[in-house]
Protein backbone atom coordinates (compact mmCIF):
# COMPACT_ATOMS: atom_id res chain seq x y z
CA UNK A 1 -0.01 0.06 -0.06
CA UNK A 2 1.69 3.32 -1.09
CA UNK A 3 -0.70 5.68 0.29
CA UNK A 4 -1.44 7.23 3.67
CA UNK A 5 -4.39 9.13 5.29
CA UNK A 6 -3.89 12.48 6.66
CA UNK A 7 -6.30 14.19 8.68
CA UNK A 8 -6.48 18.07 9.36
CA UNK A 9 -9.38 20.47 9.96
CA UNK A 10 -11.62 17.47 10.54
CA UNK A 11 -11.22 16.13 6.82
CA UNK A 12 -9.24 12.95 5.82
CA UNK A 13 -7.15 13.07 2.53
CA UNK A 14 -5.07 10.36 0.77
CA UNK A 15 -1.36 11.10 -0.11
CA UNK A 16 1.46 9.11 -1.42
CA UNK A 17 3.83 7.92 1.18
CA UNK A 18 6.84 10.37 1.63
CA UNK A 19 4.71 13.45 0.76
CA UNK A 20 6.21 16.40 2.20
CA UNK A 21 4.27 18.56 4.49
CA UNK A 22 4.73 21.54 2.30
CA UNK A 23 2.71 19.98 -0.55
CA UNK A 24 0.07 18.81 2.01
CA UNK A 25 -0.36 22.27 3.47
CA UNK A 26 -1.60 23.35 -0.05
CA UNK A 27 -4.77 21.63 0.44
CA UNK A 28 -5.43 23.43 3.95
CA UNK A 29 -7.58 26.75 3.01
CA UNK A 30 -8.45 27.14 6.53
CA UNK A 31 -5.11 28.10 7.80
CA UNK A 32 -3.17 31.17 6.04
CA UNK A 33 0.43 31.61 5.76
CA UNK A 34 1.38 28.22 6.97
CA UNK A 35 5.02 27.94 8.38
CA UNK A 36 5.21 24.61 10.13
CA UNK A 37 3.00 21.65 11.25
CA UNK A 38 2.28 19.84 14.47
CA UNK A 39 1.96 15.99 14.54
CA UNK A 40 1.14 14.81 18.04
CA UNK A 41 2.69 17.34 20.35
CA UNK A 42 5.87 17.83 18.06
CA UNK A 43 6.28 20.61 15.61
CA UNK A 44 8.04 19.89 12.21
CA UNK A 45 9.12 22.05 9.29
CA UNK A 46 7.45 21.71 6.07
CA UNK A 47 10.26 19.92 4.48
CA UNK A 48 9.30 16.84 6.58
CA UNK A 49 8.28 13.82 4.34
CA UNK A 50 5.15 12.00 6.02
CA UNK A 51 5.76 8.31 5.98
CA UNK A 52 2.45 7.16 7.95
CA UNK A 53 -1.12 8.09 8.45
CA UNK A 54 -1.52 11.00 10.98
CA UNK A 55 -3.39 13.91 12.23
CA UNK A 56 -1.84 17.24 11.48
CA UNK A 57 -2.41 20.65 12.88
CA UNK A 58 -0.99 23.27 10.54
CA UNK A 59 0.34 26.50 12.23
CA UNK A 60 1.38 30.08 11.30
CA UNK A 61 2.79 32.99 13.16
CA UNK A 62 -0.26 33.23 15.36
CA UNK A 63 0.99 30.05 17.14
CA UNK A 64 3.69 30.36 20.01
CA UNK A 65 6.17 28.12 18.12
CA UNK A 66 5.16 29.37 14.72
CA UNK A 67 5.74 32.88 15.59
CA UNK A 68 9.46 32.03 16.57
CA UNK A 69 10.11 30.20 13.43
CA UNK A 70 8.70 33.40 11.39
CA UNK A 71 11.08 35.50 13.35
CA UNK A 72 13.95 33.38 12.78
CA UNK A 73 13.58 33.21 9.03
CA UNK A 74 13.21 36.98 8.88
CA UNK A 75 16.48 37.39 10.76
CA UNK A 76 18.11 34.94 8.16
CA UNK A 77 16.46 36.76 5.38
CA UNK A 78 17.61 40.32 6.42
CA UNK A 79 21.33 39.04 6.95
CA UNK A 80 21.40 37.59 3.34
CA UNK A 81 19.84 40.67 1.79
CA UNK A 82 22.40 42.66 3.67
CA UNK A 83 25.29 40.95 2.62
CA UNK A 84 24.27 40.93 -0.89
CA UNK A 85 23.63 44.58 -0.92
CA UNK A 86 26.37 45.77 1.27
CA UNK A 87 29.16 42.98 1.77
CA UNK A 88 31.43 45.05 4.01
CA UNK A 89 28.40 45.34 6.51
CA UNK A 90 26.87 42.68 8.96
CA UNK A 91 23.95 42.80 11.37
CA UNK A 92 23.57 41.87 14.97
CA UNK A 93 20.29 41.24 16.66
CA UNK A 94 20.29 43.02 19.97
CA UNK A 95 17.19 42.60 21.87
CA UNK A 96 13.31 42.31 21.65
CA UNK A 97 11.22 45.45 21.88
CA UNK A 98 7.45 45.41 22.47
CA UNK A 99 5.91 44.09 19.15
CA UNK A 100 9.39 43.75 17.28
CA UNK A 101 13.31 43.41 17.74
CA UNK A 102 16.16 45.75 17.57
CA UNK A 103 18.84 45.22 15.09
CA UNK A 104 22.21 47.11 14.62
CA UNK A 105 24.38 47.13 11.51
CA UNK A 106 28.03 47.40 11.94
CA UNK A 107 30.90 48.07 9.34
CA UNK A 108 32.45 50.85 7.28
CA UNK A 109 29.50 52.96 6.70
CA UNK A 110 26.26 54.62 8.08
CA UNK A 111 23.32 53.61 5.76
CA UNK A 112 20.70 55.98 4.45
CA UNK A 113 16.87 55.50 4.41
CA UNK A 114 17.16 54.75 0.74
CA UNK A 115 19.93 52.20 1.30
CA UNK A 116 17.62 50.50 3.89
CA UNK A 117 14.84 50.58 1.31
CA UNK A 118 17.27 48.88 -1.16
CA UNK A 119 17.71 46.00 1.41
CA UNK A 120 14.07 45.64 1.84
CA UNK A 121 13.65 45.25 -1.88
CA UNK A 122 16.44 42.39 -1.89
CA UNK A 123 14.36 40.62 0.73
CA UNK A 124 11.13 40.97 -1.23
CA UNK A 125 13.00 39.72 -4.24
CA UNK A 126 14.23 36.55 -2.40
CA UNK A 127 10.67 36.15 -0.77
CA UNK A 128 9.05 36.54 -4.38
CA UNK A 129 11.37 33.71 -5.61
CA UNK A 130 10.20 31.30 -2.73
CA UNK A 131 13.85 29.82 -2.20
CA UNK A 132 14.38 26.83 -0.04
CA UNK A 133 16.07 27.32 3.19
CA UNK A 134 18.14 24.11 3.47
CA UNK A 135 18.64 22.20 6.64
CA UNK A 136 21.92 20.70 7.35
CA UNK A 137 22.93 18.47 10.07
CA UNK A 138 26.73 18.56 10.49
CA UNK A 139 29.34 17.45 12.90
CA UNK A 140 30.37 19.92 15.66
CA UNK A 141 33.92 20.06 14.60
CA UNK A 142 32.68 21.19 11.06
CA UNK A 143 30.65 23.80 12.61
CA UNK A 144 33.11 25.14 14.73
CA UNK A 145 35.69 25.26 11.87
CA UNK A 146 33.12 27.08 9.90
CA UNK A 147 32.38 29.75 12.29
CA UNK A 148 36.10 30.34 12.92
CA UNK A 149 36.60 30.66 9.18
CA UNK A 150 33.89 33.59 9.12
CA UNK A 151 35.34 35.01 12.41
CA UNK A 152 32.17 34.46 14.34
CA UNK A 153 34.28 33.09 17.23
CA UNK A 154 31.52 33.44 19.79
CA UNK A 155 29.53 31.00 18.15
CA UNK A 156 32.38 28.49 17.53
CA UNK A 157 32.63 28.91 21.41
CA UNK A 158 29.00 28.04 21.87
CA UNK A 159 28.89 24.90 19.46
CA UNK A 160 31.96 23.72 21.54
CA UNK A 161 30.06 24.24 24.87
CA UNK A 162 27.23 21.85 23.80
CA UNK A 163 27.27 18.11 23.83
CA UNK A 164 25.24 17.48 20.57
CA UNK A 165 26.32 14.82 18.39
CA UNK A 166 25.23 17.02 15.36
CA UNK A 167 24.37 20.70 14.94
CA UNK A 168 21.81 21.92 12.73
CA UNK A 169 22.56 24.69 10.63
CA UNK A 170 20.51 26.37 7.70
CA UNK A 171 21.83 27.41 4.41
CA UNK A 172 20.45 30.08 2.10
CA UNK A 173 22.64 31.62 -0.77
CA UNK A 174 25.86 29.83 0.50
CA UNK A 175 25.51 31.56 3.89
CA UNK A 176 25.06 29.06 6.98
CA UNK A 177 23.50 30.17 10.37
CA UNK A 178 21.56 29.06 13.19
CA UNK A 179 18.85 30.78 15.31
CA UNK A 180 17.72 28.25 18.12
CA UNK A 181 14.65 27.40 16.09
CA UNK A 182 13.13 25.45 13.36
CA UNK A 183 13.12 27.56 10.12
CA UNK A 184 10.72 28.12 7.47
CA UNK A 185 11.02 25.75 4.53
CA UNK A 186 10.81 28.41 1.92
CA UNK A 187 11.35 32.21 1.92
CA UNK A 188 7.91 32.85 0.26
CA UNK A 189 5.92 32.58 3.52
CA UNK A 190 7.96 35.69 5.04
CA UNK A 191 5.90 38.20 3.21
CA UNK A 192 4.71 40.28 6.30
CA UNK A 193 7.24 42.42 8.00
CA UNK A 194 8.46 46.05 8.09
CA UNK A 195 11.65 47.88 8.81
CA UNK A 196 11.75 51.01 10.86
CA UNK A 197 14.93 52.76 10.57
CA UNK A 198 16.08 54.75 13.66
CA UNK A 199 19.17 56.16 11.91
CA UNK A 200 22.75 55.51 12.88
CA UNK A 201 22.43 51.86 11.65
CA UNK A 202 19.71 51.04 13.95
CA UNK A 203 16.78 49.12 12.74
CA UNK A 204 13.39 47.92 14.32
CA UNK A 205 11.98 44.87 12.83
CA UNK A 206 8.36 44.52 12.89
CA UNK A 207 6.38 41.10 12.14
CA UNK A 208 2.85 39.82 12.77
CA UNK A 209 2.20 38.84 16.51
CA UNK A 210 0.47 36.02 18.24
CA UNK A 211 -2.50 38.30 18.75
CA UNK A 212 -2.36 40.49 15.73
CA UNK A 213 -4.91 39.07 13.30
CA UNK A 214 -1.89 38.72 10.76
CA UNK A 215 -1.12 42.36 10.63
CA UNK A 216 2.08 43.86 11.14
CA UNK A 217 1.72 46.14 14.30
CA UNK A 218 2.30 49.79 13.90
CA UNK A 219 5.78 51.08 15.40
CA UNK A 220 5.61 52.83 18.81
CA UNK A 221 9.11 54.19 19.76
CA UNK A 222 10.06 53.12 23.22
CA UNK A 223 13.26 55.45 23.81
CA UNK A 224 13.44 54.89 27.40
CA UNK A 225 13.43 51.03 26.95
CA UNK A 226 16.31 51.46 24.46
CA UNK A 227 18.25 53.61 26.70
CA UNK A 228 17.63 51.26 29.50
CA UNK A 229 18.99 48.40 27.42
CA UNK A 230 21.92 50.18 26.10
CA UNK A 231 23.03 51.18 29.53
CA UNK A 232 23.33 47.49 30.45
CA UNK A 233 25.12 46.62 27.15
CA UNK A 234 27.82 49.17 27.87
CA UNK A 235 28.23 47.88 31.49
CA UNK A 236 28.79 44.39 29.91
CA UNK A 237 31.18 45.75 27.33
CA UNK A 238 33.21 47.46 29.88
CA UNK A 239 33.68 43.99 31.60
CA UNK A 240 34.29 42.42 28.28
CA UNK A 241 31.30 39.90 28.44
CA UNK A 242 28.90 40.80 25.74
CA UNK A 243 28.23 36.98 25.06
CA UNK A 244 27.43 33.94 27.06
CA UNK A 245 30.67 32.22 26.05
CA UNK A 246 32.46 34.94 28.02
CA UNK A 247 29.99 34.64 31.03
CA UNK A 248 30.69 30.75 30.80
CA UNK A 249 34.29 31.38 31.07
CA UNK A 250 33.63 33.38 34.12
CA UNK A 251 31.38 30.58 35.49
CA UNK A 252 34.27 28.14 35.06
CA UNK A 253 36.43 30.32 37.15
CA UNK A 254 36.24 32.15 40.63
CA UNK A 255 35.58 35.28 38.71
CA UNK A 256 31.69 34.49 38.48
CA UNK A 257 31.54 35.38 42.34
CA UNK A 258 32.96 38.83 41.72
CA UNK A 259 30.80 39.42 38.49
CA UNK A 260 27.60 38.54 40.59
CA UNK A 261 28.62 40.93 43.16
CA UNK A 262 29.14 43.73 40.76
CA UNK A 263 25.98 42.94 38.96
CA UNK A 264 24.01 42.93 42.10
CA UNK A 265 25.65 46.20 43.23
CA UNK A 266 24.90 47.88 39.95
CA UNK A 267 21.29 46.85 40.29
CA UNK A 268 21.07 48.24 43.75
CA UNK A 269 22.76 51.52 42.76
CA UNK A 270 20.07 51.98 39.94
CA UNK A 271 17.23 51.56 42.50
CA UNK A 272 19.02 53.97 44.99
CA UNK A 273 19.14 56.53 42.15
CA UNK A 274 15.55 56.16 41.54
CA UNK A 275 14.66 56.71 45.00
CA UNK A 276 16.94 59.79 45.36
CA UNK A 277 15.16 61.50 42.67
CA UNK A 278 12.18 62.13 45.06
CA UNK A 279 14.52 64.25 47.37
CA UNK A 280 14.63 66.69 44.55
CA UNK A 281 10.84 66.80 43.80
CA UNK A 282 8.67 67.36 46.90
CA UNK A 283 5.45 67.49 45.03
CA UNK A 284 5.43 63.66 44.10
CA UNK A 285 3.31 61.84 46.52
CA UNK A 286 2.23 58.78 44.45
CA UNK A 287 4.72 56.44 42.80
CA UNK A 288 3.02 54.49 40.24
CA UNK A 289 4.73 51.01 39.66
CA UNK A 290 3.74 48.68 36.83
CA UNK A 291 5.36 45.79 34.91
CA UNK A 292 4.47 42.59 33.26
CA UNK A 293 4.38 39.21 34.85
CA UNK A 294 7.70 37.97 36.58
CA UNK A 295 9.23 41.41 36.04
CA UNK A 296 10.23 41.37 40.01
CA UNK A 297 7.54 44.06 40.94
CA UNK A 298 7.42 42.87 44.63
CA UNK A 299 11.26 42.82 45.12
CA UNK A 300 11.78 46.21 43.36
CA UNK A 301 8.86 48.02 45.22
CA UNK A 302 10.18 46.73 48.43
CA UNK A 303 13.79 47.97 47.58
CA UNK A 304 12.55 51.28 46.65
CA UNK A 305 10.57 51.51 49.84
CA UNK A 306 13.59 50.60 51.68
CA UNK A 307 15.80 53.32 50.03
CA UNK A 308 13.08 55.80 50.70
CA UNK A 309 13.13 55.03 54.28
CA UNK A 310 16.81 55.63 54.48
CA UNK A 311 16.51 58.97 52.69
CA UNK A 312 13.87 60.08 55.46
CA UNK A 313 10.60 59.18 53.78
CA UNK A 314 7.61 57.44 55.24
CA UNK A 315 6.65 55.02 52.39
CA UNK A 316 3.38 53.40 52.13
CA UNK A 317 2.87 50.42 49.96
CA UNK A 318 -0.70 50.08 48.19
CA UNK A 319 -1.77 47.24 45.94
CA UNK A 320 -4.26 48.09 43.21
CA UNK A 321 -5.58 44.67 43.62
CA UNK A 322 -7.23 45.68 46.98
CA UNK A 323 -9.37 48.17 45.04
CA UNK A 324 -11.01 45.45 42.88
CA UNK A 325 -14.95 45.67 42.96
CA UNK A 326 -16.82 42.78 44.29
CA UNK A 327 -16.54 39.75 42.21
CA UNK A 328 -20.11 39.56 41.36
CA UNK A 329 -19.93 43.04 39.98
CA UNK A 330 -17.00 42.35 37.91
CA UNK A 331 -16.98 42.95 34.08
CA UNK A 332 -16.98 39.97 31.72
CA UNK A 333 -15.25 38.99 28.49
CA UNK A 334 -16.60 37.84 25.43
CA UNK A 335 -16.80 34.25 26.65
CA UNK A 336 -18.69 35.27 29.71
CA UNK A 337 -15.78 34.82 31.96
CA UNK A 338 -14.91 37.35 34.66
CA UNK A 339 -12.26 39.74 33.28
CA UNK A 340 -10.29 40.66 36.33
CA UNK A 341 -7.60 42.43 34.13
CA UNK A 342 -9.78 45.21 32.74
CA UNK A 343 -9.59 48.53 34.31
CA UNK A 344 -13.32 48.26 35.01
CA UNK A 345 -12.61 45.67 37.50
CA UNK A 346 -11.06 48.58 39.56
CA UNK A 347 -13.09 50.74 41.60
CA UNK A 348 -11.59 53.81 40.06
CA UNK A 349 -14.12 56.22 41.73
CA UNK A 350 -13.32 55.11 45.20
CA UNK A 351 -9.42 55.02 44.30
CA UNK A 352 -9.58 58.42 43.00
CA UNK A 353 -11.57 59.63 46.07
CA UNK A 354 -9.16 58.16 48.47
CA UNK A 355 -6.27 59.94 46.88
CA UNK A 356 -7.93 63.03 46.85
CA UNK A 357 -8.82 62.82 50.42
CA UNK A 358 -5.09 62.28 50.86
CA UNK A 359 -3.89 65.34 49.12
CA UNK A 360 -6.28 67.46 51.02
CA UNK A 361 -5.06 66.41 54.33
CA UNK A 362 -7.66 63.79 55.20
CA UNK A 363 -7.38 60.22 56.49
CA UNK A 364 -8.29 57.17 54.76
CA UNK A 365 -8.73 53.63 55.68
CA UNK A 366 -7.00 51.34 53.24
CA UNK A 367 -9.13 48.29 51.84
CA UNK A 368 -8.00 44.64 51.63
CA UNK A 369 -9.32 42.37 48.90
CA UNK A 370 -10.49 38.96 50.08
CA UNK A 371 -9.83 36.68 47.00
CA UNK A 372 -11.50 33.75 48.78
CA UNK A 373 -14.92 35.68 49.20
CA UNK A 374 -14.65 37.93 46.11
CA UNK A 375 -15.25 40.89 48.41
CA UNK A 376 -13.52 44.08 49.31
CA UNK A 377 -13.09 44.41 52.90
CA UNK A 378 -12.10 47.39 55.09
CA UNK A 379 -8.96 47.05 57.32
CA UNK A 380 -8.12 48.86 60.47
CA UNK A 381 -5.18 50.46 58.59
CA UNK A 382 -5.78 54.20 58.43
CA UNK A 383 -3.23 56.41 56.72
CA UNK A 384 -2.68 60.08 56.05
CA UNK A 385 -0.38 61.98 53.69
CA UNK A 386 2.28 63.36 56.23
CA UNK A 387 4.98 65.82 54.93
CA UNK A 388 7.43 62.91 54.60
CA UNK A 389 4.88 60.29 53.07
CA UNK A 390 5.01 58.71 49.82
CA UNK A 391 2.74 56.07 48.41
CA UNK A 392 4.11 53.27 46.30
CA UNK A 393 1.02 52.05 44.22
CA UNK A 394 1.64 48.95 42.26
CA UNK A 395 -0.66 47.20 39.86
CA UNK A 396 -1.41 46.30 36.16
CA UNK A 397 -3.07 49.71 35.47
CA UNK A 398 -0.54 51.95 37.16
CA UNK A 399 0.97 53.63 34.06
CA UNK A 400 -2.64 54.16 32.69
CA UNK A 401 -3.80 57.93 33.08
CA UNK A 402 -7.24 56.71 33.08
CA UNK A 403 -6.74 55.27 36.65
CA UNK A 404 -5.97 58.42 38.25
CA UNK A 405 -7.94 61.30 36.21
CA UNK A 406 -8.51 63.37 39.05
CA UNK A 407 -5.01 63.38 40.30
CA UNK A 408 -2.81 66.14 38.82
CA UNK A 409 0.34 64.74 37.05
CA UNK A 410 2.81 66.79 39.35
CA UNK A 411 1.83 64.58 42.12
CA UNK A 412 2.50 61.21 40.13
CA UNK A 413 5.70 59.72 38.99
CA UNK A 414 5.29 56.43 36.93
CA UNK A 415 8.02 53.60 36.83
CA UNK A 416 7.96 50.67 34.33
CA UNK A 417 9.95 47.46 35.44
CA UNK A 418 10.87 44.58 33.05
CA UNK A 419 13.94 42.51 32.66
CA UNK A 420 15.94 43.45 29.62
CA UNK A 421 18.93 41.26 29.80
CA UNK A 422 21.75 42.77 27.80
CA UNK A 423 23.73 39.57 27.38
CA UNK A 424 23.34 38.08 23.88
CA UNK A 425 23.87 34.46 22.95
CA UNK A 426 25.86 35.51 19.85
CA UNK A 427 25.54 38.22 17.28
CA UNK A 428 22.46 36.88 15.84
CA UNK A 429 20.57 35.46 18.79
CA UNK A 430 19.53 37.49 21.90
CA UNK A 431 17.94 36.34 25.20
CA UNK A 432 14.18 36.95 24.83
CA UNK A 433 12.55 39.09 27.60
CA UNK A 434 9.44 36.82 27.10
CA UNK A 435 11.57 33.65 27.58
CA UNK A 436 13.43 34.95 30.64
CA UNK A 437 10.03 36.01 32.22
CA UNK A 438 8.50 32.56 31.45
CA UNK A 439 11.47 30.73 33.18
CA UNK A 440 11.20 32.88 36.24
CA UNK A 441 7.45 32.27 36.35
CA UNK A 442 7.88 28.54 35.98
CA UNK A 443 10.18 28.22 38.73
CA UNK A 444 7.96 30.51 41.11
CA UNK A 445 4.69 28.68 40.24
CA UNK A 446 6.15 25.27 40.91
CA UNK A 447 7.48 26.54 44.15
CA UNK A 448 4.41 28.56 45.31
CA UNK A 449 1.70 26.98 43.69
CA UNK A 450 2.74 23.45 42.87
CA UNK A 451 2.03 24.24 39.11
CA UNK A 452 3.90 22.04 36.59
CA UNK A 453 5.47 23.58 33.27
CA UNK A 454 2.55 22.71 31.29
CA UNK A 455 0.02 24.64 33.67
CA UNK A 456 2.55 27.56 33.63
CA UNK A 457 2.69 27.70 29.75
CA UNK A 458 -1.17 27.16 29.37
CA UNK A 459 -1.67 30.31 31.54
CA UNK A 460 1.01 32.35 29.82
CA UNK A 461 -0.87 33.37 26.84
CA UNK A 462 -3.82 34.57 28.78
CA UNK A 463 -1.32 36.54 31.11
CA UNK A 464 0.55 38.07 27.77
CA UNK A 465 -3.05 39.01 26.39
CA UNK A 466 -3.50 41.14 29.61
CA UNK A 467 0.01 42.62 29.26
CA UNK A 468 -0.67 43.63 25.63
CA UNK A 469 -3.87 45.04 26.21
CA UNK A 470 -3.30 46.82 29.68
CA UNK A 471 0.32 47.52 30.10
CA UNK A 472 2.30 47.69 26.89
CA UNK A 473 0.10 50.62 25.24
CA UNK A 474 1.10 52.95 28.34
CA UNK A 475 4.77 52.25 28.65
CA UNK A 476 5.48 55.48 26.96
CA UNK A 477 3.89 57.28 29.99
CA UNK A 478 6.27 56.01 32.37
CA UNK A 479 8.89 58.68 33.64
CA UNK A 480 11.57 56.05 34.03
CA UNK A 481 12.42 52.46 33.07
CA UNK A 482 14.12 50.04 35.57
CA UNK A 483 15.74 47.05 34.18
CA UNK A 484 15.14 44.35 36.52
CA UNK A 485 17.35 41.57 34.72
CA UNK A 486 20.53 40.34 36.11
CA UNK A 487 22.97 39.41 33.29
CA UNK A 488 23.97 36.12 35.31
CA UNK A 489 20.48 35.02 36.10
CA UNK A 490 19.86 32.43 33.31
CA UNK A 491 22.81 30.17 34.73
CA UNK A 492 21.01 30.17 38.10
CA UNK A 493 17.49 29.57 36.68
CA UNK A 494 18.70 26.84 34.53
CA UNK A 495 19.63 24.72 37.93
CA UNK A 496 15.93 25.15 38.94
CA UNK A 497 14.00 24.99 35.89
CA UNK A 498 15.61 22.18 33.83
CA UNK A 499 14.21 19.28 35.81
CA UNK A 500 10.87 20.87 35.44
CA UNK A 501 11.13 21.17 31.72
CA UNK A 502 12.49 17.54 31.40
CA UNK A 503 9.28 16.49 33.16
CA UNK A 504 7.21 17.53 30.24
CA UNK A 505 6.60 14.12 28.15
CA UNK A 506 6.04 13.73 24.54
CA UNK A 507 2.29 13.01 25.11
CA UNK A 508 1.82 16.58 26.73
CA UNK A 509 0.65 19.51 24.66
CA UNK A 510 3.65 21.74 25.55
CA UNK A 511 6.38 19.18 24.89
CA UNK A 512 7.74 21.20 21.77
CA UNK A 513 7.97 24.37 23.77
CA UNK A 514 9.63 22.63 26.72
CA UNK A 515 12.20 21.15 24.42
CA UNK A 516 12.87 24.52 22.83
CA UNK A 517 13.48 26.03 26.10
CA UNK A 518 15.99 22.97 26.98
CA UNK A 519 17.84 23.58 23.71
CA UNK A 520 18.00 27.21 24.78
CA UNK A 521 19.51 26.47 28.25
CA UNK A 522 22.20 23.99 26.88
CA UNK A 523 24.35 27.18 26.07
CA UNK A 524 24.58 28.27 29.74
CA UNK A 525 26.78 27.02 32.41
CA UNK A 526 24.94 26.37 35.73
CA UNK A 527 25.47 28.69 38.65
CA UNK A 528 24.46 27.51 42.11
CA UNK A 529 21.83 29.10 43.92
CA UNK A 530 23.77 29.63 46.95
CA UNK A 531 25.72 32.15 45.03
CA UNK A 532 22.78 34.40 44.97
CA UNK A 533 22.51 36.85 48.01
CA UNK A 534 19.44 36.97 50.30
CA UNK A 535 18.40 40.39 48.97
CA UNK A 536 18.61 39.60 45.21
CA UNK A 537 15.56 40.06 43.13
CA UNK A 538 16.07 36.38 41.84
CA UNK A 539 15.07 35.35 45.29
CA UNK A 540 11.27 36.31 44.48
CA UNK A 541 11.44 33.42 42.13
CA UNK A 542 13.88 30.71 43.41
CA UNK A 543 13.04 31.36 46.93
CA UNK A 544 15.35 30.32 49.87
CA UNK A 545 18.19 32.17 51.50
CA UNK A 546 21.93 31.73 51.08
CA UNK A 547 22.31 30.51 55.02
CA UNK A 548 19.32 28.24 54.78
């Protein structure tokens, strides 16, 4: 029998044994811009030949894994177009930004807007030709030899540091590279993207997101995020450790302990500098603090509070969650579920009334939300706004001006937190902020709630949806960005999260995502948890103390 039965979208089709997923995908009209396929819980490139009957789910850039494949393909495509247009230049991909990524071109010239357009035209030409991106499995020694020959030494070090029997590289126009992801089978699928030129050889790459309905998002310039990232990058360059290969060398020696101390001290100095700002502006009475999940809000808020106390302030911490309206009055989403993340779930009227009372010299009693009963309860905690008082207000909507419409801007100072780790894997692969936050959350969820990895990943998209709606649109309203990443932290997180990721079996839905993260972690040497000091922001996630 030389045919197999393939089922997708609840319909069964017959194909010859060995038909490629690419050809089968042509019969799937329900999913647009197909980039890969899921068989069972494993994801395959469209070059895979199907040898037995199976049920297939085709995926595009709206899928968690599919979006990473699309981004990897776009990075490779730009690299090829740049080399062919300007052979003396090269691209490095520095970091993610909301809804995009930052790239920096280096070489012997600064490009013009027209020259960026020339590169884009070359990309579109390669896309139009729908060329195959060839997958190569080669021996590690060959990969090391190749990367040394093109003077990408950090990549040769990375290959040497992993214990894989083969190394997967991809080839397009005689250029080899890898991006810690499957790649698109052909270039024709990479039609949707935009390049925003910031000048001075800096480019923002925009591409469809998981929740973007297939549209390329409009660019929003987050200057403070870029400034915060480059401050960290400059610190790393001064320490001659821009890539993980350099960090691994420190881990393999006693240098890592001093590096960790320096990293922690730098973070503490940043918090102290922020707290000191309020000595110069006595009008500020409300510090509004927001950040995405696992950005370290609890620790950072406590650190700011400690420094404020040292500077003579009386800091008072307030959680916006305590101003939730009663659960039976909460708004619902389109599926009829309670939407606790919307601004309408907060009693904005009462919150503003309380802040106005404080500004007018009155006393308020702070509420406490009872998550068991779904009711807001009054506590016995009465507070007033004394001359040296300052309120730290932390919550999802803290940056949104609609939260405090009755409070004059001069009384408020807005802080956005997120871990923008400046350490790169190599010149073409950075450490994703999303991945860093996800690893942090996996460890904390398991430690404090008993969740397994699959439960955390399952909740992750809902968490991200809330961030996309209620935090990211308001980042530009922040007065300052605090980078809560520690350059060394992935080595520590690895020790705690690897066993959790290995526990995800092939029969489980998020097996592929767990394996992707394990492949990412291979690059990092482990760092013992006892090297982390008691006050470190990492303790919010890994728990414990040095002297336990």
